[in-house]
Amino acid sequence: MDMLSILILNPVSTGIWNELTYSYCRKTVSSETDIYVKNLSKGPKAIEYDYDREIAASYVVEEVIKADKEGFDAIVINCFDDPGLDAAREVSDKLVLGIGETSIMAALLLGHRIAIISTGRQSIPIYHKKTMALGIKDRIVHIAGIDIGVLDIRKDINKVKEILFREIEDSVKQHGSEVVVLGCGGFIGLAEELSTKAGVPVIDPTLVTVKIAESLAKLRLRHSKMFKRKLLMD
């Protein structure tokens, strides 16, 4: 089988996440899989509100069209809000996964009662609506957002881990959560330590999604086009 290629798209107009994302994802996929990480040339610097997501969406779709033409086997939209995900699937003939949808659905395989912990209180209604759209809101027992902005996550990573652990601990004790999904790509690399400390599975949305993308691409599985518009690749 030929080497697979996966594009990991950071849907923001800053490259601060690219090297970090590549370093962790490189260790997650097999040596036979080639990964490439890039950010948008235009768009918001961070996605924290509905407005940010909608602004980023059209730029994401443009990048997915380019990636399709460049021959990538799969594209991962590396933001928990999944900006432009459905539209990107319409215009691409390749596998397109968003880390929000994919990691939440993966969590359902590991336990019945799921928690999502992201950044900012504004994420609570956003992800409540997301779980409703996915038809799984009855499985989501807790959604929280820590009081740290996306662009500040890596400034004091030990502080962030402490806050996340307290939130996870509260989620388990007060809400009976069995699995916790970290609701931001900026939390990459933190899940394993938090899972060990908390005693429950903690999902890193980026790493889980990239690995699932690799597996599905190896199986040559792609999205159904039964009810999608014709490809707009010309």
Protein backbone atom coordinates (compact mmCIF):
# COMPACT_ATOMS: atom_id res chain seq x y z
CA MET A 1 0.00 0.00 0.00
CA ASP A 2 1.28 3.47 -0.84
CA MET A 3 2.17 5.86 1.98
CA LEU A 4 -0.86 7.70 3.32
CA SER A 5 -0.86 11.48 3.62
CA ILE A 6 -2.94 13.40 6.14
CA LEU A 7 -3.38 17.15 6.30
CA ILE A 8 -3.99 18.53 9.78
CA LEU A 9 -5.52 21.96 9.34
CA ASN A 10 -5.37 24.41 12.21
CA PRO A 11 -8.32 26.63 11.22
CA VAL A 12 -6.86 29.85 12.58
CA SER A 13 -4.67 32.59 11.11
CA THR A 14 -1.70 31.95 13.38
CA GLY A 15 0.97 29.28 13.13
CA ILE A 16 1.67 29.00 16.87
CA TRP A 17 0.05 25.56 17.06
CA ASN A 18 1.68 23.99 14.01
CA GLU A 19 4.95 22.68 15.44
CA LEU A 20 3.31 21.47 18.65
CA THR A 21 0.58 19.67 16.70
CA TYR A 22 3.07 18.06 14.35
CA SER A 23 5.36 16.82 17.14
CA TYR A 24 2.58 15.01 19.00
CA CYS A 25 0.80 13.67 15.91
CA ARG A 26 4.03 12.40 14.39
CA LYS A 27 4.44 10.10 17.39
CA THR A 28 0.83 8.93 17.11
CA VAL A 29 0.66 7.77 13.50
CA SER A 30 2.69 5.01 11.90
CA SER A 31 5.97 5.62 10.10
CA GLU A 32 4.14 4.75 6.87
CA THR A 33 1.84 7.75 7.23
CA ASP A 34 2.96 11.20 6.17
CA ILE A 35 1.43 14.16 8.03
CA TYR A 36 1.47 17.84 7.21
CA VAL A 37 0.25 20.64 9.49
CA LYS A 38 -0.75 24.10 8.33
CA ASN A 39 -2.89 27.04 9.43
CA LEU A 40 -5.15 29.43 7.53
CA SER A 41 -3.73 32.52 5.85
CA LYS A 42 -6.88 34.42 6.83
CA GLY A 43 -9.47 34.12 9.57
CA PRO A 44 -9.66 34.42 13.35
CA LYS A 45 -6.57 33.88 15.51
CA ALA A 46 -8.62 31.69 17.84
CA ILE A 47 -12.06 30.07 17.70
CA GLU A 48 -13.96 30.62 20.92
CA TYR A 49 -17.40 31.79 19.80
CA ASP A 50 -19.97 30.94 17.12
CA TYR A 51 -18.86 34.06 15.23
CA ASP A 52 -15.25 32.85 15.06
CA ARG A 53 -16.35 29.47 13.77
CA GLU A 54 -18.49 30.94 11.02
CA ILE A 55 -15.73 33.34 9.90
CA ALA A 56 -13.23 30.47 9.69
CA ALA A 57 -15.57 28.07 7.87
CA SER A 58 -15.24 29.43 4.31
CA TYR A 59 -11.44 29.54 4.58
CA VAL A 60 -11.43 25.96 5.83
CA VAL A 61 -13.46 24.84 2.83
CA GLU A 62 -10.99 26.56 0.48
CA GLU A 63 -8.09 24.72 2.12
CA VAL A 64 -9.91 21.39 1.93
CA ILE A 65 -10.48 21.88 -1.81
CA LYS A 66 -6.75 22.57 -2.22
CA ALA A 67 -5.86 19.51 -0.16
CA ASP A 68 -8.14 17.34 -2.27
CA LYS A 69 -6.41 18.51 -5.44
CA GLU A 70 -2.98 18.00 -3.85
CA GLY A 71 -3.78 14.34 -3.24
CA PHE A 72 -4.09 14.08 0.54
CA ASP A 73 -5.88 10.92 1.66
CA ALA A 74 -7.53 12.60 4.66
CA ILE A 75 -7.97 16.05 6.15
CA VAL A 76 -8.39 16.73 9.88
CA ILE A 77 -9.93 20.05 10.93
CA ASN A 78 -8.10 20.67 14.19
CA CYS A 79 -10.66 22.66 16.17
CA PHE A 80 -13.32 21.26 18.49
CA ASP A 81 -15.92 23.54 16.88
CA ASP A 82 -15.40 21.72 13.53
CA PRO A 83 -15.67 24.89 11.38
CA GLY A 84 -16.79 24.18 7.82
CA LEU A 85 -16.92 20.42 8.39
CA ASP A 86 -20.17 19.58 6.58
CA ALA A 87 -19.45 21.92 3.68
CA ALA A 88 -15.91 20.57 3.37
CA ARG A 89 -17.27 17.06 3.04
CA GLU A 90 -19.53 18.20 0.23
CA VAL A 91 -16.70 19.63 -1.87
CA SER A 92 -14.06 16.98 -1.18
CA ASP A 93 -13.77 13.44 -2.44
CA LYS A 94 -11.46 12.60 0.46
CA LEU A 95 -12.02 11.77 4.11
CA VAL A 96 -12.61 14.91 6.21
CA LEU A 97 -12.86 14.66 9.99
CA GLY A 98 -13.34 17.32 12.67
CA ILE A 99 -11.81 16.74 16.09
CA GLY A 100 -15.01 17.72 17.91
CA GLU A 101 -17.41 15.28 16.27
CA THR A 102 -14.85 12.48 16.03
CA SER A 103 -13.59 12.61 19.62
CA ILE A 104 -17.09 12.84 21.09
CA MET A 105 -18.21 9.82 19.09
CA ALA A 106 -15.07 7.92 20.13
CA ALA A 107 -15.88 8.66 23.78
CA LEU A 108 -19.19 6.83 23.40
CA LEU A 109 -17.21 3.62 22.83
CA LEU A 110 -15.42 3.96 26.17
CA GLY A 111 -18.22 4.76 28.59
CA HIS A 112 -21.88 5.73 28.89
CA ARG A 113 -21.65 9.05 30.75
CA ILE A 114 -19.52 11.60 28.93
CA ALA A 115 -18.13 14.99 29.96
CA ILE A 116 -16.68 17.71 27.73
CA ILE A 117 -14.23 20.23 29.19
CA SER A 118 -13.20 23.15 27.00
CA THR A 119 -12.17 26.80 27.38
CA GLY A 120 -14.49 29.60 28.53
CA ARG A 121 -18.07 29.51 29.78
CA GLN A 122 -19.27 30.43 26.30
CA SER A 123 -18.35 26.92 25.19
CA ILE A 124 -21.10 25.39 27.34
CA PRO A 125 -24.11 26.33 25.13
CA ILE A 126 -22.03 25.85 21.96
CA TYR A 127 -21.21 22.25 22.79
CA HIS A 128 -24.65 21.56 24.21
CA LYS A 129 -26.01 22.44 20.78
CA LYS A 130 -23.34 20.27 19.18
CA THR A 131 -24.37 17.22 21.19
CA MET A 132 -28.00 17.87 20.28
CA ALA A 133 -27.08 17.99 16.60
CA LEU A 134 -25.22 14.68 16.98
CA GLY A 135 -28.26 13.16 18.70
CA ILE A 136 -26.34 12.18 21.83
CA LYS A 137 -27.19 14.86 24.40
CA ASP A 138 -28.58 12.24 26.81
CA ARG A 139 -25.10 10.69 27.02
CA ILE A 140 -23.43 14.01 27.88
CA VAL A 141 -23.71 14.58 31.62
CA HIS A 142 -21.42 17.58 32.01
CA ILE A 143 -20.03 20.39 29.85
CA ALA A 144 -17.62 22.94 31.29
CA GLY A 145 -15.21 25.63 30.15
CA ILE A 146 -12.16 26.59 32.16
CA ASP A 147 -11.43 30.30 32.58
CA ILE A 148 -8.46 30.44 30.21
CA GLY A 149 -8.48 31.69 26.63
CA VAL A 150 -7.29 29.47 23.80
CA LEU A 151 -4.26 31.63 23.05
CA ASP A 152 -3.18 31.49 26.70
CA ILE A 153 -3.29 27.70 27.15
CA ARG A 154 0.43 27.05 26.69
CA LYS A 155 1.65 30.10 28.65
CA ASP A 156 1.48 28.23 31.97
CA ILE A 157 0.78 24.63 31.10
CA ASN A 158 1.15 23.37 34.68
CA LYS A 159 -1.55 25.76 35.83
CA VAL A 160 -3.79 24.60 32.99
CA LYS A 161 -3.27 20.96 33.95
CA GLU A 162 -4.17 21.74 37.56
CA ILE A 163 -7.37 23.50 36.53
CA LEU A 164 -8.30 20.73 34.12
CA PHE A 165 -7.71 18.06 36.74
CA ARG A 166 -9.94 19.83 39.26
CA GLU A 167 -12.66 20.11 36.62
CA ILE A 168 -12.29 16.44 35.68
CA GLU A 169 -12.37 15.40 39.33
CA ASP A 170 -15.55 17.44 39.87
CA SER A 171 -17.09 15.95 36.74
CA VAL A 172 -16.47 12.42 37.97
CA LYS A 173 -17.57 13.00 41.58
CA GLN A 174 -20.49 15.35 41.04
CA HIS A 175 -21.82 14.22 37.66
CA GLY A 176 -20.76 10.60 37.42
CA SER A 177 -18.71 11.08 34.26
CA GLU A 178 -17.04 7.92 33.01
CA VAL A 179 -15.14 9.47 30.09
CA VAL A 180 -13.87 13.03 29.65
CA VAL A 181 -13.25 14.68 26.29
CA LEU A 182 -10.90 17.65 26.24
CA GLY A 183 -12.76 20.19 24.13
CA CYS A 184 -9.89 22.09 22.51
CA GLY A 185 -7.01 21.22 20.20
CA GLY A 186 -4.81 23.45 22.34
CA PHE A 187 -4.91 20.79 25.07
CA ILE A 188 -2.88 18.42 22.90
CA GLY A 189 -0.55 16.14 24.85
CA LEU A 190 -2.27 16.55 28.23
CA ALA A 191 -4.79 13.71 28.18
CA GLU A 192 -2.58 10.77 29.13
CA GLU A 193 -1.28 12.39 32.33
CA LEU A 194 -4.74 13.63 33.30
CA SER A 195 -6.27 10.21 32.63
CA THR A 196 -3.71 8.47 34.84
CA LYS A 197 -4.23 10.98 37.64
CA ALA A 198 -8.04 11.03 37.43
CA GLY A 199 -8.57 7.30 36.89
CA VAL A 200 -10.92 7.71 33.93
CA PRO A 201 -10.31 7.81 30.16
CA VAL A 202 -9.46 11.35 29.04
CA ILE A 203 -9.58 11.89 25.28
CA ASP A 204 -7.13 14.09 23.41
CA PRO A 205 -9.37 15.17 20.49
CA THR A 206 -6.54 15.86 18.05
CA LEU A 207 -4.58 12.66 18.59
CA VAL A 208 -7.69 10.47 18.61
CA THR A 209 -9.03 12.06 15.43
CA VAL A 210 -5.74 11.85 13.55
CA LYS A 211 -5.40 8.16 14.44
CA ILE A 212 -8.99 7.44 13.40
CA ALA A 213 -8.38 9.33 10.15
CA GLU A 214 -5.33 7.17 9.51
CA SER A 215 -7.28 3.97 10.18
CA LEU A 216 -10.25 4.91 7.99
CA ALA A 217 -7.96 6.08 5.19
CA LYS A 218 -6.09 2.77 5.30
CA LEU A 219 -9.42 1.01 4.90
CA ARG A 220 -10.21 3.31 1.95
CA LEU A 221 -13.40 4.47 3.66
CA ARG A 222 -14.81 7.87 2.75
CA HIS A 223 -17.97 9.84 3.32
CA SER A 224 -21.17 8.87 1.55
CA LYS A 225 -22.10 11.13 -1.37
CA MET A 226 -25.64 9.81 -1.67
CA PHE A 227 -27.31 13.07 -0.69
CA LYS A 228 -24.45 15.50 -1.33
CA ARG A 229 -24.15 18.02 -4.14
CA LYS A 230 -21.81 17.28 -7.01
CA LEU A 231 -18.16 18.03 -6.37
CA LEU A 232 -17.06 21.57 -7.12
CA MET A 233 -13.46 20.81 -7.90
CA ASP A 234 -13.13 22.74 -11.19
